[in-house]
Amino acid sequence: KVEHIDYKDLFKLRRYITERGKILPRRITGNCANHQRQLTVAIKRARFMALLPYTSE
């Protein structure tokens, strides 16, 4: 059970992106639609704040 997905929690967010920096789809992560949406928003917010890269190096 996930209470709140925080964009500052990079260790959790890195589990849901590929080596290339792409967000993993729902069928692979096993999230419901609501949690996948929250996760996507958190990853995009972390990218915008320069906590996560948009692409791999």
Protein backbone atom coordinates (compact mmCIF):
# COMPACT_ATOMS: atom_id res chain seq x y z
CA LYS A 1 0.00 0.00 0.00
CA VAL A 2 1.30 3.41 -1.00
CA GLU A 3 0.32 6.40 1.12
CA HIS A 4 1.95 9.23 -0.80
CA ILE A 5 4.50 9.27 -3.59
CA ASP A 6 7.02 12.01 -2.89
CA TYR A 7 9.01 13.56 -5.74
CA LYS A 8 11.99 14.02 -3.39
CA ASP A 9 12.26 10.28 -2.64
CA LEU A 10 14.64 9.44 -5.48
CA PHE A 11 15.41 5.89 -4.34
CA LYS A 12 11.75 4.89 -4.75
CA LEU A 13 11.34 6.77 -8.02
CA ARG A 14 14.42 5.19 -9.61
CA ARG A 15 12.75 1.76 -9.33
CA TYR A 16 10.10 2.93 -11.79
CA ILE A 17 12.35 4.28 -14.55
CA THR A 18 14.53 2.37 -17.02
CA GLU A 19 18.28 2.73 -17.44
CA ARG A 20 17.54 5.14 -20.27
CA GLY A 21 15.36 7.28 -18.01
CA LYS A 22 11.96 6.29 -19.39
CA ILE A 23 8.99 5.71 -17.08
CA LEU A 24 8.04 2.03 -16.86
CA PRO A 25 4.48 1.21 -17.99
CA ARG A 26 1.71 0.03 -15.71
CA ARG A 27 1.75 -3.55 -16.94
CA ILE A 28 5.37 -3.91 -15.81
CA THR A 29 5.19 -1.98 -12.52
CA GLY A 30 1.88 -3.56 -11.46
CA ASN A 31 0.42 -0.27 -10.26
CA CYS A 32 -3.24 0.64 -10.49
CA ALA A 33 -4.15 3.56 -12.75
CA ASN A 34 -4.36 6.06 -9.89
CA HIS A 35 -0.96 5.16 -8.42
CA GLN A 36 0.66 5.10 -11.86
CA ARG A 37 -0.66 8.62 -12.48
CA GLN A 38 0.71 9.83 -9.12
CA LEU A 39 4.03 8.16 -9.89
CA THR A 40 4.24 9.79 -13.32
CA VAL A 41 3.52 13.24 -11.88
CA ALA A 42 6.17 12.71 -9.18
CA ILE A 43 8.80 11.59 -11.71
CA LYS A 44 8.05 14.53 -14.02
CA ARG A 45 8.20 16.93 -11.08
CA ALA A 46 11.56 15.48 -9.97
CA ARG A 47 12.86 15.85 -13.53
CA PHE A 48 11.72 19.47 -13.69
CA MET A 49 13.44 20.26 -10.38
CA ALA A 50 16.64 18.59 -11.74
CA LEU A 51 16.58 15.76 -9.19
CA LEU A 52 16.29 13.12 -11.93
CA PRO A 53 17.68 13.28 -15.47
CA TYR A 54 15.36 13.40 -18.48
CA THR A 55 17.59 10.91 -20.32
CA SER A 56 20.49 8.66 -19.49
CA GLU A 57 24.01 9.97 -19.73
